[in-house]
């Protein structure tokens, strides 16, 4: 399952997040895959796509960062999957 994670850096402090990342890495448990991320130009938020089969892995990862980041978690599907769901083939 794919998740869009919106990270809001607490106290408008991205520096603490990036320092921890440099020191300790992503801190993702085995089975949680980082796909890609984008950060707003003002360094206030990060939009990150993560993938895992067990939501508990995502919660474990967020717990390692929750002192520095407030999280929004949105389950998502790919555009291709949305297209298949929106226009399923009809039985002929």
PDB file of N, CA and C in Angstrom:
ATOM      1  N   UNK A   1       0.831  -1.168   0.000  1.00  0.00           N
ATOM      2  CA  UNK A   1       0.000   0.000   0.000  1.00  0.00           C
ATOM      3  C   UNK A   1       0.886   1.245   0.000  1.00  0.00           C
ATOM      4  N   UNK A   2       0.451   2.258  -0.731  1.00  0.00           N
ATOM      5  CA  UNK A   2       1.161   3.525  -0.809  1.00  0.00           C
ATOM      6  C   UNK A   2       0.546   4.538   0.153  1.00  0.00           C
ATOM      7  N   UNK A   3       1.403   5.365   0.734  1.00  0.00           N
ATOM      8  CA  UNK A   3       0.951   6.417   1.629  1.00  0.00           C
ATOM      9  C   UNK A   3       1.617   7.727   1.245  1.00  0.00           C
ATOM     10  N   UNK A   4       0.812   8.779   1.132  1.00  0.00           N
ATOM     11  CA  UNK A   4       1.343  10.127   1.000  1.00  0.00           C
ATOM     12  C   UNK A   4       1.455  10.663   2.415  1.00  0.00           C
ATOM     13  N   UNK A   5       2.660  11.008   2.798  1.00  0.00           N
ATOM     14  CA  UNK A   5       2.923  11.536   4.123  1.00  0.00           C
ATOM     15  C   UNK A   5       3.207  13.022   3.980  1.00  0.00           C
ATOM     16  N   UNK A   6       2.474  13.833   4.709  1.00  0.00           N
ATOM     17  CA  UNK A   6       2.758  15.260   4.745  1.00  0.00           C
ATOM     18  C   UNK A   6       3.381  15.533   6.104  1.00  0.00           C
ATOM     19  N   UNK A   7       4.625  15.947   6.071  1.00  0.00           N
ATOM     20  CA  UNK A   7       5.365  16.235   7.293  1.00  0.00           C
ATOM     21  C   UNK A   7       5.378  17.747   7.518  1.00  0.00           C
ATOM     22  N   UNK A   8       4.970  18.151   8.691  1.00  0.00           N
ATOM     23  CA  UNK A   8       5.038  19.556   9.095  1.00  0.00           C
ATOM     24  C   UNK A   8       6.149  19.649  10.134  1.00  0.00           C
ATOM     25  N   UNK A   9       7.211  20.345   9.800  1.00  0.00           N
ATOM     26  CA  UNK A   9       8.347  20.454  10.703  1.00  0.00           C
ATOM     27  C   UNK A   9       7.947  21.294  11.912  1.00  0.00           C
ATOM     28  N   UNK A  10       8.074  20.708  13.095  1.00  0.00           N
ATOM     29  CA  UNK A  10       7.687  21.412  14.324  1.00  0.00           C
ATOM     30  C   UNK A  10       8.572  22.635  14.533  1.00  0.00           C
ATOM     31  N   UNK A  11       7.947  23.678  15.060  1.00  0.00           N
ATOM     32  CA  UNK A  11       8.645  24.934  15.350  1.00  0.00           C
ATOM     33  C   UNK A  11       9.323  25.516  14.110  1.00  0.00           C
ATOM     34  N   UNK A  12       8.804  25.171  12.931  1.00  0.00           N
ATOM     35  CA  UNK A  12       9.403  25.647  11.672  1.00  0.00           C
ATOM     36  C   UNK A  12      10.905  25.382  11.660  1.00  0.00           C
ATOM     37  N   UNK A  13      11.285  24.164  12.080  1.00  0.00           N
ATOM     38  CA  UNK A  13      12.694  23.833  12.252  1.00  0.00           C
ATOM     39  C   UNK A  13      13.097  22.620  11.406  1.00  0.00           C
ATOM     40  N   UNK A  14      13.368  22.823  10.126  1.00  0.00           N
ATOM     41  CA  UNK A  14      13.822  21.703   9.304  1.00  0.00           C
ATOM     42  C   UNK A  14      15.248  21.270   9.647  1.00  0.00           C
ATOM     43  N   UNK A  15      16.038  22.170  10.216  1.00  0.00           N
ATOM     44  CA  UNK A  15      17.430  21.862  10.511  1.00  0.00           C
ATOM     45  C   UNK A  15      17.552  20.631  11.414  1.00  0.00           C
ATOM     46  N   UNK A  16      16.729  20.536  12.445  1.00  0.00           N
ATOM     47  CA  UNK A  16      16.786  19.384  13.359  1.00  0.00           C
ATOM     48  C   UNK A  16      16.468  18.082  12.642  1.00  0.00           C
ATOM     49  N   UNK A  17      15.524  18.141  11.717  1.00  0.00           N
ATOM     50  CA  UNK A  17      15.148  16.947  10.957  1.00  0.00           C
ATOM     51  C   UNK A  17      16.317  16.488  10.091  1.00  0.00           C
ATOM     52  N   UNK A  18      16.917  17.424   9.366  1.00  0.00           N
ATOM     53  CA  UNK A  18      18.005  17.054   8.474  1.00  0.00           C
ATOM     54  C   UNK A  18      19.264  16.638   9.233  1.00  0.00           C
ATOM     55  N   UNK A  19      19.492  17.226  10.403  1.00  0.00           N
ATOM     56  CA  UNK A  19      20.629  16.793  11.211  1.00  0.00           C
ATOM     57  C   UNK A  19      20.455  15.347  11.664  1.00  0.00           C
ATOM     58  N   UNK A  20      19.247  14.996  12.137  1.00  0.00           N
ATOM     59  CA  UNK A  20      19.006  13.605  12.544  1.00  0.00           C
ATOM     60  C   UNK A  20      19.144  12.666  11.361  1.00  0.00           C
ATOM     61  N   UNK A  21      18.618  13.079  10.222  1.00  0.00           N
ATOM     62  CA  UNK A  21      18.713  12.240   9.030  1.00  0.00           C
ATOM     63  C   UNK A  21      20.179  11.979   8.671  1.00  0.00           C
ATOM     64  N   UNK A  22      21.013  12.998   8.717  1.00  0.00           N
ATOM     65  CA  UNK A  22      22.436  12.822   8.412  1.00  0.00           C
ATOM     66  C   UNK A  22      23.124  11.896   9.408  1.00  0.00           C
ATOM     67  N   UNK A  23      22.742  12.001  10.663  1.00  0.00           N
ATOM     68  CA  UNK A  23      23.367  11.205  11.712  1.00  0.00           C
ATOM     69  C   UNK A  23      22.869   9.766  11.757  1.00  0.00           C
ATOM     70  N   UNK A  24      21.554   9.566  11.540  1.00  0.00           N
ATOM     71  CA  UNK A  24      20.961   8.251  11.801  1.00  0.00           C
ATOM     72  C   UNK A  24      20.251   7.623  10.604  1.00  0.00           C
ATOM     73  N   UNK A  25      20.147   8.374   9.498  1.00  0.00           N
ATOM     74  CA  UNK A  25      19.457   7.840   8.324  1.00  0.00           C
ATOM     75  C   UNK A  25      17.950   8.001   8.441  1.00  0.00           C
ATOM     76  N   UNK A  26      17.239   7.314   7.573  1.00  0.00           N
ATOM     77  CA  UNK A  26      15.785   7.458   7.492  1.00  0.00           C
ATOM     78  C   UNK A  26      15.063   6.821   8.678  1.00  0.00           C
ATOM     79  N   UNK A  27      15.686   5.865   9.336  1.00  0.00           N
ATOM     80  CA  UNK A  27      15.114   5.153  10.479  1.00  0.00           C
ATOM     81  C   UNK A  27      13.876   4.340  10.110  1.00  0.00           C
ATOM     82  N   UNK A  28      13.796   3.921   8.860  1.00  0.00           N
ATOM     83  CA  UNK A  28      12.662   3.115   8.402  1.00  0.00           C
ATOM     84  C   UNK A  28      12.904   1.648   8.744  1.00  0.00           C
ATOM     85  N   UNK A  29      11.922   0.995   9.341  1.00  0.00           N
ATOM     86  CA  UNK A  29      12.075  -0.432   9.632  1.00  0.00           C
ATOM     87  C   UNK A  29      12.058  -1.248   8.336  1.00  0.00           C
ATOM     88  N   UNK A  30      12.627  -2.430   8.393  1.00  0.00           N
ATOM     89  CA  UNK A  30      12.600  -3.325   7.233  1.00  0.00           C
ATOM     90  C   UNK A  30      11.152  -3.575   6.838  1.00  0.00           C
ATOM     91  N   UNK A  31      10.891  -3.457   5.544  1.00  0.00           N
ATOM     92  CA  UNK A  31       9.539  -3.649   5.029  1.00  0.00           C
ATOM     93  C   UNK A  31       8.829  -2.347   4.704  1.00  0.00           C
ATOM     94  N   UNK A  32       9.405  -1.223   5.115  1.00  0.00           N
ATOM     95  CA  UNK A  32       8.866   0.092   4.772  1.00  0.00           C
ATOM     96  C   UNK A  32       9.792   0.711   3.737  1.00  0.00           C
ATOM     97  N   UNK A  33       9.258   1.016   2.578  1.00  0.00           N
ATOM     98  CA  UNK A  33      10.070   1.526   1.476  1.00  0.00           C
ATOM     99  C   UNK A  33       9.798   3.012   1.225  1.00  0.00           C
ATOM    100  N   UNK A  34      10.875   3.780   1.137  1.00  0.00           N
ATOM    101  CA  UNK A  34      10.821   5.182   0.734  1.00  0.00           C
ATOM    102  C   UNK A  34      10.732   5.211  -0.784  1.00  0.00           C
ATOM    103  N   UNK A  35       9.764   5.961  -1.324  1.00  0.00           N
ATOM    104  CA  UNK A  35       9.607   6.067  -2.775  1.00  0.00           C
ATOM    105  C   UNK A  35      10.216   7.371  -3.289  1.00  0.00           C
ATOM    106  N   UNK A  36       9.762   8.502  -2.756  1.00  0.00           N
ATOM    107  CA  UNK A  36      10.279   9.803  -3.186  1.00  0.00           C
ATOM    108  C   UNK A  36       9.748  10.867  -2.243  1.00  0.00           C
ATOM    109  N   UNK A  37      10.339  12.077  -2.313  1.00  0.00           N
ATOM    110  CA  UNK A  37       9.837  13.167  -1.487  1.00  0.00           C
ATOM    111  C   UNK A  37      10.111  14.503  -2.149  1.00  0.00           C
ATOM    112  N   UNK A  38       9.338  15.495  -1.713  1.00  0.00           N
ATOM    113  CA  UNK A  38       9.437  16.862  -2.197  1.00  0.00           C
ATOM    114  C   UNK A  38       9.245  17.782  -1.007  1.00  0.00           C
ATOM    115  N   UNK A  39       9.979  18.885  -0.972  1.00  0.00           N
ATOM    116  CA  UNK A  39       9.905  19.830   0.134  1.00  0.00           C
ATOM    117  C   UNK A  39       9.492  21.184  -0.418  1.00  0.00           C
ATOM    118  N   UNK A  40       8.637  21.881   0.337  1.00  0.00           N
ATOM    119  CA  UNK A  40       8.230  23.217  -0.087  1.00  0.00           C
ATOM    120  C   UNK A  40       9.441  24.156  -0.048  1.00  0.00           C
ATOM    121  N   UNK A  41       9.456  25.158  -0.913  1.00  0.00           N
ATOM    122  CA  UNK A  41      10.614  26.063  -0.975  1.00  0.00           C
ATOM    123  C   UNK A  41      10.930  26.779   0.343  1.00  0.00           C
ATOM    124  N   UNK A  42       9.917  26.959   1.192  1.00  0.00           N
ATOM    125  CA  UNK A  42      10.164  27.617   2.473  1.00  0.00           C
ATOM    126  C   UNK A  42      10.635  26.633   3.553  1.00  0.00           C
ATOM    127  N   UNK A  43      10.833  25.363   3.175  1.00  0.00           N
ATOM    128  CA  UNK A  43      11.312  24.302   4.068  1.00  0.00           C
ATOM    129  C   UNK A  43      10.380  24.041   5.247  1.00  0.00           C
ATOM    130  N   UNK A  44       9.092  24.300   5.063  1.00  0.00           N
ATOM    131  CA  UNK A  44       8.126  24.111   6.148  1.00  0.00           C
ATOM    132  C   UNK A  44       7.476  22.738   6.129  1.00  0.00           C
ATOM    133  N   UNK A  45       7.351  22.144   4.929  1.00  0.00           N
ATOM    134  CA  UNK A  45       6.671  20.855   4.810  1.00  0.00           C
ATOM    135  C   UNK A  45       7.390  19.959   3.819  1.00  0.00           C
ATOM    136  N   UNK A  46       7.247  18.666   4.067  1.00  0.00           N
ATOM    137  CA  UNK A  46       7.778  17.654   3.161  1.00  0.00           C
ATOM    138  C   UNK A  46       6.624  16.746   2.764  1.00  0.00           C
ATOM    139  N   UNK A  47       6.534  16.440   1.479  1.00  0.00           N
ATOM    140  CA  UNK A  47       5.549  15.504   0.951  1.00  0.00           C
ATOM    141  C   UNK A  47       6.321  14.258   0.560  1.00  0.00           C
ATOM    142  N   UNK A  48       5.983  13.150   1.183  1.00  0.00           N
ATOM    143  CA  UNK A  48       6.781  11.942   1.030  1.00  0.00           C
ATOM    144  C   UNK A  48       5.875  10.753   0.719  1.00  0.00           C
ATOM    145  N   UNK A  49       6.270   9.942  -0.240  1.00  0.00           N
ATOM    146  CA  UNK A  49       5.528   8.726  -0.551  1.00  0.00           C
ATOM    147  C   UNK A  49       6.310   7.544   0.014  1.00  0.00           C
ATOM    148  N   UNK A  50       5.604   6.748   0.804  1.00  0.00           N
ATOM    149  CA  UNK A  50       6.174   5.549   1.417  1.00  0.00           C
ATOM    150  C   UNK A  50       5.291   4.370   1.032  1.00  0.00           C
ATOM    151  N   UNK A  51       5.882   3.162   1.061  1.00  0.00           N
ATOM    152  CA  UNK A  51       5.132   1.965   0.684  1.00  0.00           C
ATOM    153  C   UNK A  51       5.400   0.854   1.691  1.00  0.00           C
ATOM    154  N   UNK A  52       4.324   0.176   2.097  1.00  0.00           N
ATOM    155  CA  UNK A  52       4.464  -0.993   2.969  1.00  0.00           C
ATOM    156  C   UNK A  52       3.162  -1.782   2.950  1.00  0.00           C
ATOM    157  N   UNK A  53       3.248  -3.023   3.362  1.00  0.00           N
ATOM    158  CA  UNK A  53       2.067  -3.875   3.457  1.00  0.00           C
ATOM    159  C   UNK A  53       1.442  -3.843   4.843  1.00  0.00           C
ATOM    160  N   UNK A  54       2.189  -3.360   5.825  1.00  0.00           N
ATOM    161  CA  UNK A  54       1.746  -3.365   7.219  1.00  0.00           C
ATOM    162  C   UNK A  54       1.809  -1.944   7.761  1.00  0.00           C
ATOM    163  N   UNK A  55       0.659  -1.345   8.023  1.00  0.00           N
ATOM    164  CA  UNK A  55       0.591   0.036   8.509  1.00  0.00           C
ATOM    165  C   UNK A  55       1.401   0.216   9.801  1.00  0.00           C
ATOM    166  N   UNK A  56       1.557  -0.836  10.594  1.00  0.00           N
ATOM    167  CA  UNK A  56       2.333  -0.739  11.835  1.00  0.00           C
ATOM    168  C   UNK A  56       3.778  -0.318  11.564  1.00  0.00           C
ATOM    169  N   UNK A  57       4.319  -0.694  10.415  1.00  0.00           N
ATOM    170  CA  UNK A  57       5.680  -0.283  10.051  1.00  0.00           C
ATOM    171  C   UNK A  57       5.758   1.229   9.851  1.00  0.00           C
ATOM    172  N   UNK A  58       4.737   1.779   9.241  1.00  0.00           N
ATOM    173  CA  UNK A  58       4.681   3.227   9.041  1.00  0.00           C
ATOM    174  C   UNK A  58       4.581   3.938  10.391  1.00  0.00           C
ATOM    175  N   UNK A  59       3.757   3.403  11.280  1.00  0.00           N
ATOM    176  CA  UNK A  59       3.626   3.995  12.615  1.00  0.00           C
ATOM    177  C   UNK A  59       4.941   3.920  13.385  1.00  0.00           C
ATOM    178  N   UNK A  60       5.663   2.828  13.239  1.00  0.00           N
ATOM    179  CA  UNK A  60       6.964   2.674  13.898  1.00  0.00           C
ATOM    180  C   UNK A  60       7.943   3.731  13.387  1.00  0.00           C
ATOM    181  N   UNK A  61       7.973   3.946  12.084  1.00  0.00           N
ATOM    182  CA  UNK A  61       8.852   4.949  11.496  1.00  0.00           C
ATOM    183  C   UNK A  61       8.484   6.352  11.989  1.00  0.00           C
ATOM    184  N   UNK A  62       7.195   6.670  12.004  1.00  0.00           N
ATOM    185  CA  UNK A  62       6.772   8.000  12.441  1.00  0.00           C
ATOM    186  C   UNK A  62       7.120   8.231  13.910  1.00  0.00           C
ATOM    187  N   UNK A  63       7.063   7.193  14.732  1.00  0.00           N
ATOM    188  CA  UNK A  63       7.402   7.332  16.150  1.00  0.00           C
ATOM    189  C   UNK A  63       8.847   7.767  16.340  1.00  0.00           C
ATOM    190  N   UNK A  64       9.715   7.401  15.400  1.00  0.00           N
ATOM    191  CA  UNK A  64      11.124   7.782  15.492  1.00  0.00           C
ATOM    192  C   UNK A  64      11.343   9.266  15.185  1.00  0.00           C
ATOM    193  N   UNK A  65      10.328   9.913  14.620  1.00  0.00           N
ATOM    194  CA  UNK A  65      10.446  11.308  14.205  1.00  0.00           C
ATOM    195  C   UNK A  65       9.416  12.224  14.867  1.00  0.00           C
ATOM    196  N   UNK A  66       8.509  11.690  15.648  1.00  0.00           N
ATOM    197  CA  UNK A  66       7.374  12.501  16.093  1.00  0.00           C
ATOM    198  C   UNK A  66       7.733  13.600  17.088  1.00  0.00           C
ATOM    199  N   UNK A  67       8.958  13.614  17.579  1.00  0.00           N
ATOM    200  CA  UNK A  67       9.386  14.739  18.410  1.00  0.00           C
ATOM    201  C   UNK A  67       9.766  15.957  17.568  1.00  0.00           C
ATOM    202  N   UNK A  68       9.980  15.741  16.274  1.00  0.00           N
ATOM    203  CA  UNK A  68      10.397  16.824  15.379  1.00  0.00           C
ATOM    204  C   UNK A  68       9.372  17.150  14.297  1.00  0.00           C
ATOM    205  N   UNK A  69       8.452  16.220  14.037  1.00  0.00           N
ATOM    206  CA  UNK A  69       7.554  16.333  12.888  1.00  0.00           C
ATOM    207  C   UNK A  69       6.125  15.977  13.290  1.00  0.00           C
ATOM    208  N   UNK A  70       5.164  16.750  12.785  1.00  0.00           N
ATOM    209  CA  UNK A  70       3.749  16.374  12.855  1.00  0.00           C
ATOM    210  C   UNK A  70       3.395  15.765  11.513  1.00  0.00           C
ATOM    211  N   UNK A  71       2.694  14.636  11.535  1.00  0.00           N
ATOM    212  CA  UNK A  71       2.425  13.879  10.322  1.00  0.00           C
ATOM    213  C   UNK A  71       0.950  13.887   9.942  1.00  0.00           C
ATOM    214  N   UNK A  72       0.705  13.970   8.656  1.00  0.00           N
ATOM    215  CA  UNK A  72      -0.593  13.648   8.062  1.00  0.00           C
ATOM    216  C   UNK A  72      -0.335  12.432   7.185  1.00  0.00           C
ATOM    217  N   UNK A  73      -1.199  11.420   7.280  1.00  0.00           N
ATOM    218  CA  UNK A  73      -1.034  10.192   6.504  1.00  0.00           C
ATOM    219  C   UNK A  73      -2.272  10.003   5.634  1.00  0.00           C
ATOM    220  N   UNK A  74      -2.037   9.856   4.334  1.00  0.00           N
ATOM    221  CA  UNK A  74      -3.128   9.687   3.389  1.00  0.00           C
ATOM    222  C   UNK A  74      -2.835   8.460   2.528  1.00  0.00           C
ATOM    223  N   UNK A  75      -3.635   7.388   2.674  1.00  0.00           N
ATOM    224  CA  UNK A  75      -3.458   6.257   1.761  1.00  0.00           C
ATOM    225  C   UNK A  75      -3.768   6.708   0.332  1.00  0.00           C
ATOM    226  N   UNK A  76      -2.925   6.329  -0.616  1.00  0.00           N
ATOM    227  CA  UNK A  76      -3.114   6.735  -2.006  1.00  0.00           C
ATOM    228  C   UNK A  76      -2.953   5.527  -2.930  1.00  0.00           C
ATOM    229  N   UNK A  77      -3.432   5.695  -4.147  1.00  0.00           N
ATOM    230  CA  UNK A  77      -3.222   4.725  -5.217  1.00  0.00           C
ATOM    231  C   UNK A  77      -2.598   5.469  -6.388  1.00  0.00           C
ATOM    232  N   UNK A  78      -2.016   4.734  -7.305  1.00  0.00           N
ATOM    233  CA  UNK A  78      -1.418   5.380  -8.467  1.00  0.00           C
ATOM    234  C   UNK A  78      -2.509   5.901  -9.403  1.00  0.00           C
ATOM    235  N   UNK A  79      -2.137   6.813 -10.276  1.00  0.00           N
ATOM    236  CA  UNK A  79      -3.089   7.322 -11.270  1.00  0.00           C
ATOM    237  C   UNK A  79      -3.569   6.199 -12.176  1.00  0.00           C
ATOM    238  N   UNK A  80      -2.676   5.267 -12.510  1.00  0.00           N
ATOM    239  CA  UNK A  80      -3.066   4.139 -13.361  1.00  0.00           C
ATOM    240  C   UNK A  80      -4.135   3.295 -12.672  1.00  0.00           C
ATOM    241  N   UNK A  81      -3.961   3.036 -11.374  1.00  0.00           N
ATOM    242  CA  UNK A  81      -4.963   2.264 -10.635  1.00  0.00           C
ATOM    243  C   UNK A  81      -6.276   3.031 -10.544  1.00  0.00           C
ATOM    244  N   UNK A  82      -6.206   4.323 -10.343  1.00  0.00           N
ATOM    245  CA  UNK A  82      -7.426   5.137 -10.309  1.00  0.00           C
ATOM    246  C   UNK A  82      -8.175   5.048 -11.636  1.00  0.00           C
ATOM    247  N   UNK A  83      -7.432   5.082 -12.738  1.00  0.00           N
ATOM    248  CA  UNK A  83      -8.061   4.957 -14.056  1.00  0.00           C
ATOM    249  C   UNK A  83      -8.749   3.623 -14.235  1.00  0.00           C
ATOM    250  N   UNK A  84      -8.107   2.548 -13.765  1.00  0.00           N
ATOM    251  CA  UNK A  84      -8.734   1.222 -13.856  1.00  0.00           C
ATOM    252  C   UNK A  84     -10.006   1.153 -13.015  1.00  0.00           C
ATOM    253  N   UNK A  85      -9.970   1.764 -11.837  1.00  0.00           N
ATOM    254  CA  UNK A  85     -11.149   1.733 -10.971  1.00  0.00           C
ATOM    255  C   UNK A  85     -12.270   2.612 -11.518  1.00  0.00           C
ATOM    256  N   UNK A  86     -11.905   3.732 -12.127  1.00  0.00           N
ATOM    257  CA  UNK A  86     -12.907   4.668 -12.631  1.00  0.00           C
ATOM    258  C   UNK A  86     -13.574   4.169 -13.907  1.00  0.00           C
ATOM    259  N   UNK A  87     -12.830   3.398 -14.692  1.00  0.00           N
ATOM    260  CA  UNK A  87     -13.379   2.935 -15.963  1.00  0.00           C
ATOM    261  C   UNK A  87     -13.081   1.442 -16.131  1.00  0.00           C
ATOM    262  N   UNK A  88     -13.696   0.595 -15.297  1.00  0.00           N
ATOM    263  CA  UNK A  88     -13.441  -0.846 -15.410  1.00  0.00           C
ATOM    264  C   UNK A  88     -13.947  -1.364 -16.750  1.00  0.00           C
ATOM    265  N   UNK A  89     -13.250  -2.389 -17.229  1.00  0.00           N
ATOM    266  CA  UNK A  89     -13.691  -3.006 -18.478  1.00  0.00           C
ATOM    267  C   UNK A  89     -15.047  -3.660 -18.249  1.00  0.00           C
ATOM    268  N   UNK A  90     -15.865  -3.575 -19.256  1.00  0.00           N
ATOM    269  CA  UNK A  90     -17.213  -4.172 -19.163  1.00  0.00           C
ATOM    270  C   UNK A  90     -17.171  -5.575 -19.765  1.00  0.00           C
ATOM    271  N   UNK A  91     -17.906  -6.490 -19.160  1.00  0.00           N
ATOM    272  CA  UNK A  91     -18.038  -7.824 -19.725  1.00  0.00           C
ATOM    273  C   UNK A  91     -18.857  -7.733 -20.994  1.00  0.00           C
ATOM    274  N   UNK A  92     -18.348  -8.352 -22.038  1.00  0.00           N
ATOM    275  CA  UNK A  92     -19.072  -8.329 -23.330  1.00  0.00           C
ATOM    276  C   UNK A  92     -19.778  -9.614 -23.574  1.00  0.00           C
TER     277      UNK A  92
END
